[in-house]
Amino acid sequence: MSTSFYHTELSKALSEQAFGLARFDICRSSSPHEATASVTLLEGRTIRITLTARGYQVRTASTDEDQIFESIEGLLQAVSPAYEGRRREALFSRLRSLS
């Protein structure tokens, strides 16, 4: 079975953001039109992120509705304050290495 575009893209997106995650696992998907991952945030909470043609989706417990984001960064910034802190640290570290 070949890997779908969505599976590849979600795996790549999460790998690029691994500095701000405790862990992630791409779930086996039965549909070539979406991919889902179980993501453990730095705060210890585990969420499920799904990538479809609509974007990156996460179900919020407070409203029991899917929130859709254009980027994985936007989604992670919305659900994890610790991710935002790590992202900022990584950015400043890269900027310092340029000087």
Protein backbone atom coordinates (compact mmCIF):
# COMPACT_ATOMS: atom_id res chain seq x y z
CA MET A 1 0.00 0.00 0.00
CA SER A 2 1.44 3.37 -0.97
CA THR A 3 1.55 6.29 1.41
CA SER A 4 -0.96 9.03 0.66
CA PHE A 5 -0.07 12.66 0.06
CA TYR A 6 -1.82 13.60 3.33
CA HIS A 7 0.09 10.98 5.33
CA THR A 8 3.41 12.23 3.91
CA GLU A 9 2.56 15.90 4.46
CA LEU A 10 1.33 15.40 8.05
CA SER A 11 4.40 13.36 8.92
CA LYS A 12 6.71 16.00 7.41
CA ALA A 13 4.89 18.89 9.11
CA LEU A 14 5.02 17.26 12.54
CA SER A 15 8.67 16.25 12.10
CA GLU A 16 9.54 19.89 11.39
CA GLN A 17 7.76 20.92 14.61
CA ALA A 18 9.17 18.09 16.76
CA PHE A 19 11.13 20.59 18.89
CA GLY A 20 7.81 21.76 20.35
CA LEU A 21 6.15 18.37 20.86
CA ALA A 22 6.62 15.62 23.41
CA ARG A 23 5.89 12.98 20.72
CA PHE A 24 3.71 12.14 17.76
CA ASP A 25 2.57 9.02 15.96
CA ILE A 26 0.91 8.94 12.56
CA CYS A 27 -2.13 6.65 12.72
CA ARG A 28 -2.78 4.07 10.06
CA SER A 29 -5.39 5.53 7.77
CA SER A 30 -7.94 3.71 5.67
CA SER A 31 -8.55 6.75 3.47
CA PRO A 32 -6.15 8.27 0.95
CA HIS A 33 -7.95 11.60 1.47
CA GLU A 34 -6.84 12.26 5.04
CA ALA A 35 -4.20 11.44 7.64
CA THR A 36 -4.45 11.49 11.42
CA ALA A 37 -1.78 11.71 14.11
CA SER A 38 -1.83 11.30 17.85
CA VAL A 39 0.21 14.20 19.25
CA THR A 40 1.38 14.56 22.84
CA LEU A 41 1.93 18.22 23.68
CA LEU A 42 4.70 19.44 25.97
CA GLU A 43 2.02 20.00 28.62
CA GLY A 44 1.35 16.22 28.60
CA ARG A 45 -2.06 16.39 26.93
CA THR A 46 -2.65 14.18 23.86
CA ILE A 47 -4.65 15.46 20.91
CA ARG A 48 -5.58 14.05 17.50
CA ILE A 49 -4.72 16.12 14.45
CA THR A 50 -6.22 15.29 11.07
CA LEU A 51 -5.03 16.67 7.75
CA THR A 52 -7.55 16.83 4.89
CA ALA A 53 -8.13 19.06 1.88
CA ARG A 54 -9.76 21.51 4.32
CA GLY A 55 -6.59 21.91 6.38
CA TYR A 56 -5.26 20.80 9.76
CA GLN A 57 -8.09 19.91 12.14
CA VAL A 58 -8.28 19.36 15.86
CA ARG A 59 -11.38 18.68 17.93
CA THR A 60 -11.72 21.00 20.89
CA ALA A 61 -13.14 19.53 24.07
CA SER A 62 -14.75 22.79 25.12
CA THR A 63 -17.01 23.02 22.07
CA ASP A 64 -16.81 19.41 20.81
CA GLU A 65 -16.29 20.86 17.33
CA ASP A 66 -13.42 20.66 14.86
CA GLN A 67 -11.24 23.72 14.52
CA ILE A 68 -9.51 24.03 11.15
CA PHE A 69 -6.14 25.72 10.62
CA GLU A 70 -4.21 26.53 7.45
CA SER A 71 -0.88 25.60 9.04
CA ILE A 72 0.36 23.13 11.63
CA GLU A 73 2.13 26.02 13.37
CA GLY A 74 -1.15 27.91 13.78
CA LEU A 75 -2.86 24.87 15.22
CA LEU A 76 -0.05 24.14 17.69
CA GLN A 77 0.14 27.79 18.77
CA ALA A 78 -3.60 27.71 19.49
CA VAL A 79 -3.53 24.55 21.61
CA SER A 80 -0.14 24.64 23.35
CA PRO A 81 1.41 27.63 25.15
CA ALA A 82 4.57 25.56 25.74
CA TYR A 83 4.91 24.97 21.98
CA GLU A 84 4.85 28.72 21.38
CA GLY A 85 7.61 29.21 23.96
CA ARG A 86 9.79 26.52 22.39
CA ARG A 87 9.15 27.90 18.89
CA ARG A 88 10.30 31.33 20.04
CA GLU A 89 13.42 29.86 21.69
CA ALA A 90 14.30 27.97 18.50
CA LEU A 91 13.84 31.09 16.40
CA PHE A 92 16.05 33.22 18.67
CA SER A 93 18.67 30.48 18.71
CA ARG A 94 18.77 30.42 14.89
CA LEU A 95 18.98 34.22 14.76
CA ARG A 96 21.88 34.26 17.25
CA SER A 97 23.77 31.70 15.15
CA LEU A 98 23.58 34.05 12.14
CA SER A 99 25.50 36.84 13.87
